[in-house]
Amino acid sequence: MTTLLREEGFCVNHKRIARLCRDEGLRVVQKPKKRYRMGTSTVPATRLRAAHPDHVWALDFQFDQTTDLRTLKILNVCDEFTREALAIEVSRCIDSDHTIAVLERIVDSTGRRPQHLRMDNGPELTANGLRDWCRFSKTEMSFIEPGSPWQNPFVESFNGKLRDELLNLEAFETLLEAKVLAEDFRIDYNSYRPHSALGQLAPSKFAEQWASQ
């Protein structure tokens, strides 16, 4: 009974406060919702299919941590046609400038350049800097719809393998250890891991055969 009276008293007081605020022209300030920037696609992700090497590079981020509970951010870059892992970049923080530096490093070391980038609408990937890099590099941008990771299936599949076979198994003591083991995984994945979609060839071997033809 006491609880009921208290609840009724609260309702009465709440109504009085609401009436007073209304009479005085007062209102509760609603916290505005954040607006998230959406990337502008030159080619919709749902209609883009890789037809040859370097036609489409897919980008995505993963997260892990070192044993001191500090964050590790991981940028994966994959060639959708050859299934090659072009980069597994591990750092404490990766922004748009860092993402551009990774892409430039791939271009400089391999002599290859993507015709399209498929990615989500994360702030690192919708930033003006990356858009300018794509424009100067004559690279098209293809953004998946928010909350639709299945539109970026190749890099998502790679993410799963990296998570199951490295991130969930290794306790990284330092950032350097994470970098070294991630690069070892990338080399092993590209050079020695047969892929059913490539006729049981490893991605690097498949890319070599394609280039020779």
N, C-alpha and C. Protein backbone atom coordinates (compact mmCIF):
# COMPACT_ATOMS: atom_id res chain seq x y z
N MET A 1 0.83 -1.20 0.00
CA MET A 1 0.00 0.00 0.00
C MET A 1 0.87 1.25 0.00
N THR A 2 1.92 1.21 0.85
CA THR A 2 2.83 2.36 0.93
C THR A 2 3.51 2.60 -0.40
N THR A 3 3.92 1.48 -1.03
CA THR A 3 4.58 1.60 -2.34
C THR A 3 3.65 2.20 -3.36
N LEU A 4 2.37 1.79 -3.32
CA LEU A 4 1.39 2.33 -4.27
C LEU A 4 1.19 3.82 -4.06
N LEU A 5 1.10 4.23 -2.77
CA LEU A 5 0.92 5.67 -2.50
C LEU A 5 2.12 6.46 -2.98
N ARG A 6 3.31 5.88 -2.76
CA ARG A 6 4.52 6.56 -3.22
C ARG A 6 4.50 6.71 -4.74
N GLU A 7 4.10 5.62 -5.44
CA GLU A 7 4.04 5.69 -6.90
C GLU A 7 3.01 6.71 -7.36
N GLU A 8 1.83 6.73 -6.66
CA GLU A 8 0.80 7.71 -7.03
C GLU A 8 1.29 9.12 -6.76
N GLY A 9 2.00 9.29 -5.63
CA GLY A 9 2.55 10.62 -5.32
C GLY A 9 3.56 11.06 -6.36
N PHE A 10 4.38 10.11 -6.83
CA PHE A 10 5.36 10.43 -7.87
C PHE A 10 4.66 10.86 -9.15
N CYS A 11 3.58 10.13 -9.49
CA CYS A 11 2.84 10.47 -10.71
C CYS A 11 2.23 11.86 -10.61
N VAL A 12 1.67 12.19 -9.41
CA VAL A 12 1.07 13.51 -9.22
C VAL A 12 2.12 14.60 -9.34
N ASN A 13 3.27 14.40 -8.65
CA ASN A 13 4.34 15.39 -8.72
C ASN A 13 4.87 15.53 -10.14
N HIS A 14 4.99 14.41 -10.82
CA HIS A 14 5.48 14.44 -12.20
C HIS A 14 4.53 15.24 -13.09
N LYS A 15 3.22 15.04 -12.87
CA LYS A 15 2.24 15.78 -13.67
C LYS A 15 2.28 17.27 -13.36
N ARG A 16 2.49 17.60 -12.05
CA ARG A 16 2.58 19.02 -11.67
C ARG A 16 3.79 19.68 -12.32
N ILE A 17 4.91 18.97 -12.26
CA ILE A 17 6.13 19.51 -12.88
C ILE A 17 5.93 19.70 -14.38
N ALA A 18 5.31 18.70 -15.02
CA ALA A 18 5.08 18.80 -16.46
C ALA A 18 4.17 19.97 -16.78
N ARG A 19 3.13 20.19 -15.93
CA ARG A 19 2.21 21.30 -16.18
C ARG A 19 2.90 22.64 -15.99
N LEU A 20 3.73 22.75 -14.94
CA LEU A 20 4.46 24.00 -14.69
C LEU A 20 5.41 24.31 -15.84
N CYS A 21 6.11 23.28 -16.32
CA CYS A 21 7.03 23.49 -17.44
C CYS A 21 6.27 23.93 -18.68
N ARG A 22 5.10 23.34 -18.88
CA ARG A 22 4.29 23.71 -20.04
C ARG A 22 3.79 25.14 -19.93
N ASP A 23 3.35 25.53 -18.71
CA ASP A 23 2.84 26.88 -18.51
C ASP A 23 3.94 27.92 -18.68
N GLU A 24 5.17 27.56 -18.30
CA GLU A 24 6.28 28.51 -18.40
C GLU A 24 6.97 28.47 -19.76
N GLY A 25 6.49 27.59 -20.61
CA GLY A 25 7.10 27.48 -21.94
C GLY A 25 8.44 26.78 -21.92
N LEU A 26 8.67 25.97 -20.90
CA LEU A 26 9.94 25.26 -20.79
C LEU A 26 9.81 23.89 -21.44
N ARG A 27 10.92 23.35 -21.84
CA ARG A 27 10.91 22.02 -22.42
C ARG A 27 12.23 21.33 -22.12
N VAL A 28 12.17 20.03 -22.11
CA VAL A 28 13.37 19.24 -21.90
C VAL A 28 14.17 19.19 -23.20
N VAL A 29 15.43 19.57 -23.12
CA VAL A 29 16.29 19.58 -24.31
C VAL A 29 16.64 18.14 -24.67
N GLN A 30 16.26 17.74 -25.87
CA GLN A 30 16.57 16.40 -26.35
C GLN A 30 17.99 16.37 -26.91
N LYS A 31 18.74 15.37 -26.49
CA LYS A 31 20.09 15.23 -27.02
C LYS A 31 20.02 14.82 -28.47
N PRO A 32 20.60 15.61 -29.36
CA PRO A 32 20.51 15.26 -30.79
C PRO A 32 21.27 13.98 -31.10
N LYS A 33 20.73 13.24 -32.03
CA LYS A 33 21.39 12.03 -32.48
C LYS A 33 22.54 12.38 -33.42
N LYS A 34 23.61 11.62 -33.30
CA LYS A 34 24.75 11.85 -34.18
C LYS A 34 24.39 11.47 -35.60
N ARG A 35 24.88 12.25 -36.51
CA ARG A 35 24.71 11.94 -37.93
C ARG A 35 26.00 11.31 -38.44
N TYR A 36 25.88 10.15 -39.01
CA TYR A 36 27.05 9.44 -39.51
C TYR A 36 27.21 9.71 -41.00
N ARG A 37 28.46 9.98 -41.37
CA ARG A 37 28.75 10.27 -42.77
C ARG A 37 28.63 9.00 -43.59
N MET A 38 27.97 9.11 -44.71
CA MET A 38 27.81 7.99 -45.62
C MET A 38 28.73 8.20 -46.82
N GLY A 39 29.43 7.15 -47.19
CA GLY A 39 30.29 7.26 -48.36
C GLY A 39 29.47 7.27 -49.64
N THR A 40 30.00 7.96 -50.63
CA THR A 40 29.33 8.05 -51.93
C THR A 40 29.98 7.07 -52.89
N SER A 41 29.22 6.08 -53.30
CA SER A 41 29.75 5.04 -54.18
C SER A 41 29.71 5.50 -55.63
N THR A 42 30.76 5.19 -56.36
CA THR A 42 30.73 5.37 -57.80
C THR A 42 30.17 4.14 -58.48
N VAL A 43 30.29 2.99 -57.80
CA VAL A 43 29.70 1.73 -58.26
C VAL A 43 29.04 1.07 -57.05
N PRO A 44 27.75 0.79 -57.07
CA PRO A 44 27.10 0.14 -55.92
C PRO A 44 27.75 -1.21 -55.61
N ALA A 45 27.92 -1.50 -54.33
CA ALA A 45 28.59 -2.74 -53.92
C ALA A 45 27.83 -3.97 -54.39
N THR A 46 26.52 -3.87 -54.46
CA THR A 46 25.72 -5.04 -54.84
C THR A 46 25.89 -5.41 -56.30
N ARG A 47 26.39 -4.49 -57.11
CA ARG A 47 26.55 -4.77 -58.55
C ARG A 47 28.00 -4.92 -58.98
N LEU A 48 28.91 -4.93 -58.01
CA LEU A 48 30.34 -4.99 -58.33
C LEU A 48 30.85 -6.40 -58.11
N ARG A 49 31.44 -6.99 -59.14
CA ARG A 49 32.05 -8.31 -59.05
C ARG A 49 33.45 -8.25 -59.64
N ALA A 50 34.41 -8.78 -58.91
CA ALA A 50 35.80 -8.76 -59.39
C ALA A 50 35.95 -9.68 -60.59
N ALA A 51 36.52 -9.14 -61.67
CA ALA A 51 36.68 -9.92 -62.90
C ALA A 51 38.13 -10.26 -63.21
N HIS A 52 39.06 -9.65 -62.50
CA HIS A 52 40.48 -9.90 -62.74
C HIS A 52 41.27 -9.36 -61.55
N PRO A 53 42.55 -9.71 -61.43
CA PRO A 53 43.36 -9.18 -60.32
C PRO A 53 43.36 -7.65 -60.30
N ASP A 54 43.30 -7.10 -59.10
CA ASP A 54 43.33 -5.66 -58.86
C ASP A 54 42.08 -4.94 -59.37
N HIS A 55 41.08 -5.70 -59.74
CA HIS A 55 39.80 -5.08 -60.11
C HIS A 55 39.12 -4.51 -58.87
N VAL A 56 39.09 -5.32 -57.78
CA VAL A 56 38.46 -4.88 -56.53
C VAL A 56 39.34 -5.27 -55.36
N TRP A 57 39.72 -4.27 -54.57
CA TRP A 57 40.36 -4.52 -53.28
C TRP A 57 39.33 -4.26 -52.19
N ALA A 58 39.25 -5.14 -51.22
CA ALA A 58 38.29 -4.99 -50.13
C ALA A 58 39.03 -4.63 -48.84
N LEU A 59 38.47 -3.68 -48.09
CA LEU A 59 39.08 -3.20 -46.86
C LEU A 59 38.12 -3.43 -45.70
N ASP A 60 38.68 -3.78 -44.54
CA ASP A 60 37.86 -3.89 -43.34
C ASP A 60 38.77 -3.86 -42.11
N PHE A 61 38.16 -3.53 -40.96
CA PHE A 61 38.90 -3.43 -39.70
C PHE A 61 38.48 -4.52 -38.74
N GLN A 62 39.42 -4.95 -37.92
CA GLN A 62 39.17 -5.83 -36.79
C GLN A 62 39.85 -5.25 -35.56
N PHE A 63 39.45 -5.76 -34.39
CA PHE A 63 40.03 -5.28 -33.14
C PHE A 63 40.45 -6.45 -32.26
N ASP A 64 41.53 -6.25 -31.53
CA ASP A 64 41.98 -7.21 -30.54
C ASP A 64 42.68 -6.39 -29.45
N GLN A 65 43.45 -7.04 -28.59
CA GLN A 65 44.17 -6.31 -27.56
C GLN A 65 45.40 -7.09 -27.13
N THR A 66 46.36 -6.36 -26.58
CA THR A 66 47.54 -6.99 -26.00
C THR A 66 47.20 -7.39 -24.56
N THR A 67 48.12 -8.12 -23.94
CA THR A 67 47.84 -8.65 -22.60
C THR A 67 47.70 -7.55 -21.54
N ASP A 68 48.15 -6.34 -21.85
CA ASP A 68 47.96 -5.22 -20.92
C ASP A 68 46.63 -4.51 -21.17
N LEU A 69 45.77 -5.13 -21.99
CA LEU A 69 44.41 -4.66 -22.28
C LEU A 69 44.38 -3.41 -23.15
N ARG A 70 45.48 -3.10 -23.80
CA ARG A 70 45.49 -1.97 -24.73
C ARG A 70 44.99 -2.45 -26.10
N THR A 71 44.30 -1.57 -26.79
CA THR A 71 43.62 -1.93 -28.03
C THR A 71 44.60 -2.14 -29.18
N LEU A 72 44.29 -3.14 -29.99
CA LEU A 72 44.95 -3.34 -31.28
C LEU A 72 43.91 -3.15 -32.37
N LYS A 73 44.21 -2.31 -33.33
CA LYS A 73 43.32 -2.12 -34.47
C LYS A 73 44.01 -2.71 -35.70
N ILE A 74 43.25 -3.48 -36.47
CA ILE A 74 43.82 -4.24 -37.58
C ILE A 74 43.09 -3.88 -38.86
N LEU A 75 43.85 -3.47 -39.86
CA LEU A 75 43.30 -3.18 -41.19
C LEU A 75 43.68 -4.31 -42.13
N ASN A 76 42.68 -4.97 -42.69
CA ASN A 76 42.91 -6.03 -43.67
C ASN A 76 42.56 -5.53 -45.06
N VAL A 77 43.44 -5.79 -46.01
CA VAL A 77 43.22 -5.44 -47.41
C VAL A 77 43.36 -6.70 -48.24
N CYS A 78 42.33 -7.05 -49.00
CA CYS A 78 42.33 -8.29 -49.78
C CYS A 78 41.98 -8.00 -51.24
N ASP A 79 42.59 -8.75 -52.14
CA ASP A 79 42.21 -8.73 -53.55
C ASP A 79 41.08 -9.74 -53.72
N GLU A 80 39.92 -9.28 -54.14
CA GLU A 80 38.76 -10.17 -54.21
C GLU A 80 38.90 -11.25 -55.28
N PHE A 81 39.63 -10.98 -56.33
CA PHE A 81 39.73 -11.97 -57.41
C PHE A 81 40.74 -13.06 -57.08
N THR A 82 41.93 -12.67 -56.62
CA THR A 82 42.97 -13.65 -56.32
C THR A 82 42.90 -14.17 -54.88
N ARG A 83 42.10 -13.53 -54.05
CA ARG A 83 41.96 -13.86 -52.62
C ARG A 83 43.24 -13.56 -51.83
N GLU A 84 44.17 -12.83 -52.41
CA GLU A 84 45.40 -12.51 -51.69
C GLU A 84 45.13 -11.53 -50.54
N ALA A 85 45.80 -11.76 -49.44
CA ALA A 85 45.84 -10.79 -48.35
C ALA A 85 46.97 -9.82 -48.65
N LEU A 86 46.62 -8.65 -49.13
CA LEU A 86 47.63 -7.67 -49.54
C LEU A 86 48.25 -6.97 -48.35
N ALA A 87 47.53 -6.88 -47.25
CA ALA A 87 48.07 -6.25 -46.04
C ALA A 87 47.26 -6.68 -44.84
N ILE A 88 47.97 -6.89 -43.72
CA ILE A 88 47.35 -6.99 -42.40
C ILE A 88 48.10 -5.98 -41.55
N GLU A 89 47.56 -4.80 -41.44
CA GLU A 89 48.21 -3.71 -40.72
C GLU A 89 47.72 -3.69 -39.28
N VAL A 90 48.65 -3.82 -38.33
CA VAL A 90 48.31 -3.83 -36.91
C VAL A 90 48.90 -2.59 -36.25
N SER A 91 48.07 -1.85 -35.54
CA SER A 91 48.53 -0.65 -34.86
C SER A 91 47.61 -0.37 -33.67
N ARG A 92 47.98 0.60 -32.88
CA ARG A 92 47.10 1.01 -31.78
C ARG A 92 45.91 1.81 -32.29
N CYS A 93 46.17 2.58 -33.33
CA CYS A 93 45.12 3.41 -33.92
C CYS A 93 45.39 3.53 -35.42
N ILE A 94 44.35 3.42 -36.22
CA ILE A 94 44.49 3.56 -37.66
C ILE A 94 43.42 4.54 -38.13
N ASP A 95 43.86 5.70 -38.60
CA ASP A 95 42.93 6.70 -39.12
C ASP A 95 42.99 6.69 -40.64
N SER A 96 42.37 7.69 -41.26
CA SER A 96 42.34 7.72 -42.73
C SER A 96 43.73 7.91 -43.32
N ASP A 97 44.57 8.74 -42.69
CA ASP A 97 45.92 8.95 -43.21
C ASP A 97 46.73 7.66 -43.13
N HIS A 98 46.57 6.92 -42.06
CA HIS A 98 47.27 5.65 -41.91
C HIS A 98 46.77 4.65 -42.96
N THR A 99 45.47 4.66 -43.22
CA THR A 99 44.90 3.78 -44.24
C THR A 99 45.49 4.09 -45.62
N ILE A 100 45.60 5.36 -45.93
CA ILE A 100 46.19 5.78 -47.20
C ILE A 100 47.64 5.33 -47.28
N ALA A 101 48.37 5.45 -46.17
CA ALA A 101 49.78 5.03 -46.16
C ALA A 101 49.90 3.54 -46.43
N VAL A 102 48.97 2.73 -45.91
CA VAL A 102 48.99 1.30 -46.16
C VAL A 102 48.75 1.02 -47.65
N LEU A 103 47.78 1.69 -48.23
CA LEU A 103 47.50 1.51 -49.66
C LEU A 103 48.70 1.92 -50.51
N GLU A 104 49.32 3.03 -50.16
CA GLU A 104 50.49 3.49 -50.90
C GLU A 104 51.63 2.49 -50.78
N ARG A 105 51.78 1.88 -49.61
CA ARG A 105 52.84 0.90 -49.41
C ARG A 105 52.61 -0.32 -50.29
N ILE A 106 51.37 -0.75 -50.41
CA ILE A 106 51.07 -1.89 -51.29
C ILE A 106 51.38 -1.54 -52.73
N VAL A 107 50.97 -0.36 -53.16
CA VAL A 107 51.22 0.08 -54.54
C VAL A 107 52.72 0.15 -54.82
N ASP A 108 53.47 0.73 -53.89
CA ASP A 108 54.91 0.89 -54.09
C ASP A 108 55.65 -0.45 -54.11
N SER A 109 55.22 -1.37 -53.25
CA SER A 109 55.95 -2.65 -53.13
C SER A 109 55.57 -3.66 -54.20
N THR A 110 54.36 -3.57 -54.73
CA THR A 110 53.89 -4.56 -55.70
C THR A 110 53.75 -4.01 -57.12
N GLY A 111 53.68 -2.70 -57.25
CA GLY A 111 53.43 -2.10 -58.56
C GLY A 111 51.99 -2.26 -59.01
N ARG A 112 51.13 -2.69 -58.12
CA ARG A 112 49.73 -2.91 -58.43
C ARG A 112 48.89 -1.77 -57.87
N ARG A 113 47.74 -1.56 -58.49
CA ARG A 113 46.84 -0.49 -58.05
C ARG A 113 45.40 -0.94 -58.27
N PRO A 114 44.52 -0.69 -57.31
CA PRO A 114 43.14 -1.16 -57.47
C PRO A 114 42.32 -0.27 -58.39
N GLN A 115 41.38 -0.88 -59.09
CA GLN A 115 40.41 -0.11 -59.86
C GLN A 115 39.23 0.30 -58.98
N HIS A 116 38.92 -0.53 -57.98
CA HIS A 116 37.83 -0.23 -57.06
C HIS A 116 38.24 -0.60 -55.63
N LEU A 117 37.71 0.14 -54.66
CA LEU A 117 37.84 -0.22 -53.26
C LEU A 117 36.44 -0.50 -52.73
N ARG A 118 36.26 -1.68 -52.15
CA ARG A 118 34.98 -2.01 -51.51
C ARG A 118 35.18 -1.91 -49.99
N MET A 119 34.30 -1.19 -49.30
CA MET A 119 34.49 -0.95 -47.87
C MET A 119 33.18 -0.51 -47.23
N ASP A 120 33.20 -0.43 -45.89
CA ASP A 120 32.02 0.02 -45.19
C ASP A 120 32.08 1.54 -44.99
N ASN A 121 31.17 2.06 -44.19
CA ASN A 121 31.06 3.50 -44.02
C ASN A 121 31.73 4.01 -42.75
N GLY A 122 32.78 3.33 -42.32
CA GLY A 122 33.53 3.79 -41.16
C GLY A 122 34.15 5.16 -41.40
N PRO A 123 34.38 5.93 -40.33
CA PRO A 123 34.91 7.29 -40.50
C PRO A 123 36.28 7.33 -41.17
N GLU A 124 37.08 6.26 -41.00
CA GLU A 124 38.40 6.24 -41.63
C GLU A 124 38.28 6.10 -43.14
N LEU A 125 37.18 5.47 -43.60
CA LEU A 125 37.03 5.15 -45.01
C LEU A 125 36.15 6.14 -45.77
N THR A 126 35.41 6.97 -45.05
CA THR A 126 34.60 8.00 -45.71
C THR A 126 35.26 9.37 -45.61
N ALA A 127 36.45 9.42 -45.05
CA ALA A 127 37.14 10.70 -44.86
C ALA A 127 37.54 11.31 -46.20
N ASN A 128 37.69 12.63 -46.18
CA ASN A 128 38.04 13.35 -47.40
C ASN A 128 39.40 12.91 -47.94
N GLY A 129 40.32 12.58 -47.03
CA GLY A 129 41.66 12.21 -47.47
C GLY A 129 41.65 10.98 -48.35
N LEU A 130 40.91 9.96 -47.95
CA LEU A 130 40.85 8.74 -48.76
C LEU A 130 40.10 8.98 -50.06
N ARG A 131 39.07 9.82 -50.01
CA ARG A 131 38.34 10.15 -51.23
C ARG A 131 39.26 10.86 -52.22
N ASP A 132 40.11 11.77 -51.71
CA ASP A 132 41.05 12.47 -52.59
C ASP A 132 42.08 11.49 -53.16
N TRP A 133 42.54 10.55 -52.33
CA TRP A 133 43.52 9.57 -52.83
C TRP A 133 42.91 8.76 -53.97
N CYS A 134 41.66 8.35 -53.80
CA CYS A 134 41.00 7.57 -54.86
C CYS A 134 40.84 8.40 -56.13
N ARG A 135 40.50 9.67 -55.96
CA ARG A 135 40.31 10.51 -57.14
C ARG A 135 41.63 10.69 -57.90
N PHE A 136 42.71 10.96 -57.20
CA PHE A 136 44.00 11.14 -57.85
C PHE A 136 44.54 9.83 -58.43
N SER A 137 44.18 8.71 -57.80
CA SER A 137 44.64 7.40 -58.26
C SER A 137 43.72 6.79 -59.30
N LYS A 138 42.62 7.49 -59.62
CA LYS A 138 41.60 6.99 -60.55
C LYS A 138 41.05 5.65 -60.08
N THR A 139 40.78 5.57 -58.78
CA THR A 139 40.21 4.39 -58.15
C THR A 139 38.77 4.69 -57.76
N GLU A 140 37.86 3.80 -58.17
CA GLU A 140 36.45 3.98 -57.83
C GLU A 140 36.20 3.50 -56.40
N MET A 141 35.16 4.05 -55.77
CA MET A 141 34.81 3.70 -54.40
C MET A 141 33.46 3.01 -54.38
N SER A 142 33.38 1.89 -53.67
CA SER A 142 32.14 1.13 -53.58
C SER A 142 31.86 0.85 -52.10
N PHE A 143 30.88 1.54 -51.54
CA PHE A 143 30.55 1.41 -50.13
C PHE A 143 29.39 0.44 -49.95
N ILE A 144 29.53 -0.47 -48.98
CA ILE A 144 28.43 -1.36 -48.68
C ILE A 144 27.39 -0.60 -47.86
N GLU A 145 26.18 -1.11 -47.82
CA GLU A 145 25.12 -0.47 -47.04
C GLU A 145 25.39 -0.67 -45.55
N PRO A 146 25.02 0.30 -44.70
CA PRO A 146 25.25 0.15 -43.26
C PRO A 146 24.59 -1.12 -42.72
N GLY A 147 25.33 -1.84 -41.88
CA GLY A 147 24.81 -3.06 -41.29
C GLY A 147 24.65 -4.21 -42.25
N SER A 148 25.41 -4.18 -43.35
CA SER A 148 25.31 -5.24 -44.37
C SER A 148 26.68 -5.84 -44.68
N PRO A 149 27.32 -6.48 -43.70
CA PRO A 149 28.67 -7.02 -43.94
C PRO A 149 28.70 -8.08 -45.03
N TRP A 150 27.53 -8.70 -45.32
CA TRP A 150 27.51 -9.73 -46.37
C TRP A 150 27.77 -9.13 -47.75
N GLN A 151 27.72 -7.81 -47.88
CA GLN A 151 28.05 -7.17 -49.15
C GLN A 151 29.57 -7.03 -49.32
N ASN A 152 30.32 -7.39 -48.31
CA ASN A 152 31.79 -7.39 -48.38
C ASN A 152 32.28 -8.79 -47.99
N PRO A 153 31.85 -9.83 -48.70
CA PRO A 153 32.01 -11.20 -48.21
C PRO A 153 33.44 -11.71 -48.20
N PHE A 154 34.28 -11.29 -49.16
CA PHE A 154 35.61 -11.87 -49.27
C PHE A 154 36.50 -11.47 -48.10
N VAL A 155 36.49 -10.17 -47.77
CA VAL A 155 37.31 -9.75 -46.64
C VAL A 155 36.69 -10.21 -45.32
N GLU A 156 35.37 -10.35 -45.27
CA GLU A 156 34.74 -10.88 -44.05
C GLU A 156 35.14 -12.34 -43.83
N SER A 157 35.23 -13.11 -44.91
CA SER A 157 35.69 -14.49 -44.80
C SER A 157 37.13 -14.54 -44.31
N PHE A 158 37.96 -13.65 -44.85
CA PHE A 158 39.35 -13.59 -44.40
C PHE A 158 39.41 -13.18 -42.93
N ASN A 159 38.58 -12.23 -42.53
CA ASN A 159 38.53 -11.82 -41.12
C ASN A 159 38.27 -13.01 -40.21
N GLY A 160 37.34 -13.88 -40.63
CA GLY A 160 37.00 -15.03 -39.82
C GLY A 160 38.17 -15.98 -39.65
N LYS A 161 38.90 -16.21 -40.73
CA LYS A 161 40.08 -17.08 -40.65
C LYS A 161 41.15 -16.47 -39.74
N LEU A 162 41.37 -15.16 -39.90
CA LEU A 162 42.37 -14.50 -39.07
C LEU A 162 41.97 -14.55 -37.59
N ARG A 163 40.69 -14.36 -37.33
CA ARG A 163 40.21 -14.41 -35.95
C ARG A 163 40.37 -15.81 -35.36
N ASP A 164 39.93 -16.83 -36.10
CA ASP A 164 39.93 -18.20 -35.58
C ASP A 164 41.34 -18.76 -35.44
N GLU A 165 42.22 -18.42 -36.37
CA GLU A 165 43.51 -19.09 -36.44
C GLU A 165 44.66 -18.28 -35.84
N LEU A 166 44.41 -17.01 -35.52
CA LEU A 166 45.49 -16.21 -34.92
C LEU A 166 45.00 -15.41 -33.72
N LEU A 167 44.04 -14.53 -33.92
CA LEU A 167 43.65 -13.61 -32.86
C LEU A 167 43.08 -14.33 -31.64
N ASN A 168 42.31 -15.39 -31.86
CA ASN A 168 41.72 -16.12 -30.73
C ASN A 168 42.69 -17.09 -30.07
N LEU A 169 43.82 -17.32 -30.71
CA LEU A 169 44.77 -18.31 -30.19
C LEU A 169 45.99 -17.69 -29.53
N GLU A 170 46.38 -16.51 -29.96
CA GLU A 170 47.60 -15.90 -29.47
C GLU A 170 47.30 -14.78 -28.46
N ALA A 171 48.04 -14.77 -27.36
CA ALA A 171 47.99 -13.67 -26.40
C ALA A 171 49.20 -12.77 -26.69
N PHE A 172 48.97 -11.65 -27.33
CA PHE A 172 50.06 -10.77 -27.75
C PHE A 172 50.57 -9.97 -26.55
N GLU A 173 51.87 -10.08 -26.31
CA GLU A 173 52.47 -9.31 -25.21
C GLU A 173 52.70 -7.86 -25.63
N THR A 174 53.07 -7.66 -26.89
CA THR A 174 53.41 -6.32 -27.35
C THR A 174 52.82 -6.09 -28.74
N LEU A 175 52.80 -4.84 -29.15
CA LEU A 175 52.37 -4.48 -30.50
C LEU A 175 53.29 -5.11 -31.54
N LEU A 176 54.61 -5.10 -31.26
CA LEU A 176 55.57 -5.67 -32.21
C LEU A 176 55.30 -7.15 -32.43
N GLU A 177 55.01 -7.88 -31.36
CA GLU A 177 54.71 -9.31 -31.49
C GLU A 177 53.48 -9.52 -32.37
N ALA A 178 52.45 -8.70 -32.18
CA ALA A 178 51.24 -8.82 -32.99
C ALA A 178 51.54 -8.55 -34.45
N LYS A 179 52.37 -7.55 -34.73
CA LYS A 179 52.74 -7.22 -36.11
C LYS A 179 53.47 -8.39 -36.78
N VAL A 180 54.44 -8.97 -36.06
CA VAL A 180 55.25 -10.04 -36.63
C VAL A 180 54.39 -11.28 -36.91
N LEU A 181 53.55 -11.66 -35.96
CA LEU A 181 52.73 -12.85 -36.14
C LEU A 181 51.67 -12.64 -37.22
N ALA A 182 51.14 -11.42 -37.32
CA ALA A 182 50.16 -11.13 -38.36
C ALA A 182 50.79 -11.23 -39.75
N GLU A 183 52.02 -10.73 -39.89
CA GLU A 183 52.69 -10.81 -41.18
C GLU A 183 53.05 -12.25 -41.52
N ASP A 184 53.44 -13.04 -40.51
CA ASP A 184 53.70 -14.47 -40.74
C ASP A 184 52.43 -15.16 -41.23
N PHE A 185 51.30 -14.83 -40.63
CA PHE A 185 50.03 -15.42 -41.04
C PHE A 185 49.71 -15.03 -42.48
N ARG A 186 49.94 -13.77 -42.83
CA ARG A 186 49.63 -13.29 -44.18
C ARG A 186 50.48 -14.03 -45.23
N ILE A 187 51.76 -14.20 -44.96
CA ILE A 187 52.64 -14.88 -45.91
C ILE A 187 52.22 -16.35 -46.06
N ASP A 188 51.93 -17.00 -44.94
CA ASP A 188 51.50 -18.39 -44.99
C ASP A 188 50.18 -18.53 -45.73
N TYR A 189 49.25 -17.61 -45.47
CA TYR A 189 47.94 -17.66 -46.12
C TYR A 189 48.08 -17.50 -47.63
N ASN A 190 48.91 -16.56 -48.06
CA ASN A 190 49.07 -16.31 -49.49
C ASN A 190 49.84 -17.40 -50.21
N SER A 191 50.82 -17.97 -49.55
CA SER A 191 51.77 -18.85 -50.24
C SER A 191 51.46 -20.33 -50.12
N TYR A 192 50.81 -20.73 -49.04
CA TYR A 192 50.69 -22.17 -48.77
C TYR A 192 49.27 -22.65 -48.49
N ARG A 193 48.30 -21.77 -48.53
CA ARG A 193 46.95 -22.18 -48.18
C ARG A 193 46.11 -22.37 -49.45
N PRO A 194 45.82 -23.61 -49.85
CA PRO A 194 44.99 -23.83 -51.04
C PRO A 194 43.58 -23.31 -50.81
N HIS A 195 43.00 -22.77 -51.86
CA HIS A 195 41.67 -22.17 -51.79
C HIS A 195 40.76 -22.87 -52.78
N SER A 196 39.61 -23.34 -52.32
CA SER A 196 38.70 -24.10 -53.19
C SER A 196 38.22 -23.27 -54.38
N ALA A 197 38.02 -21.97 -54.18
CA ALA A 197 37.54 -21.12 -55.28
C ALA A 197 38.63 -20.87 -56.32
N LEU A 198 39.87 -21.22 -55.99
CA LEU A 198 41.00 -21.01 -56.91
C LEU A 198 41.51 -22.34 -57.46
N GLY A 199 40.67 -23.34 -57.47
CA GLY A 199 41.11 -24.65 -57.95
C GLY A 199 42.15 -25.28 -57.06
N GLN A 200 42.02 -25.07 -55.76
CA GLN A 200 42.94 -25.62 -54.75
C GLN A 200 44.36 -25.06 -54.89
N LEU A 201 44.47 -23.89 -55.48
CA LEU A 201 45.76 -23.20 -55.52
C LEU A 201 45.83 -22.18 -54.39
N ALA A 202 47.04 -21.92 -53.92
CA ALA A 202 47.23 -20.83 -52.97
C ALA A 202 47.05 -19.50 -53.72
N PRO A 203 46.61 -18.45 -53.04
CA PRO A 203 46.35 -17.18 -53.72
C PRO A 203 47.53 -16.65 -54.53
N SER A 204 48.73 -16.70 -53.98
CA SER A 204 49.89 -16.18 -54.72
C SER A 204 50.16 -17.00 -55.97
N LYS A 205 50.02 -18.33 -55.87
CA LYS A 205 50.23 -19.19 -57.03
C LYS A 205 49.19 -18.92 -58.10
N PHE A 206 47.95 -18.71 -57.68
CA PHE A 206 46.88 -18.41 -58.63
C PHE A 206 47.17 -17.08 -59.34
N ALA A 207 47.63 -16.07 -58.58
CA ALA A 207 47.95 -14.78 -59.18
C ALA A 207 49.09 -14.91 -60.18
N GLU A 208 50.09 -15.74 -59.89
CA GLU A 208 51.21 -15.95 -60.80
C GLU A 208 50.74 -16.60 -62.09
N GLN A 209 49.88 -17.62 -61.97
CA GLN A 209 49.38 -18.29 -63.17
C GLN A 209 48.55 -17.33 -64.01
N TRP A 210 47.73 -16.54 -63.38
CA TRP A 210 46.91 -15.57 -64.13
C TRP A 210 47.80 -14.59 -64.88
N ALA A 211 48.86 -14.09 -64.22
CA ALA A 211 49.76 -13.13 -64.85
C ALA A 211 50.49 -13.75 -66.03
N SER A 212 50.86 -15.03 -65.91
CA SER A 212 51.58 -15.69 -67.00
C SER A 212 50.69 -15.93 -68.22
N GLN A 213 49.39 -16.01 -67.97
CA GLN A 213 48.47 -16.23 -69.09
C GLN A 213 48.10 -14.93 -69.80
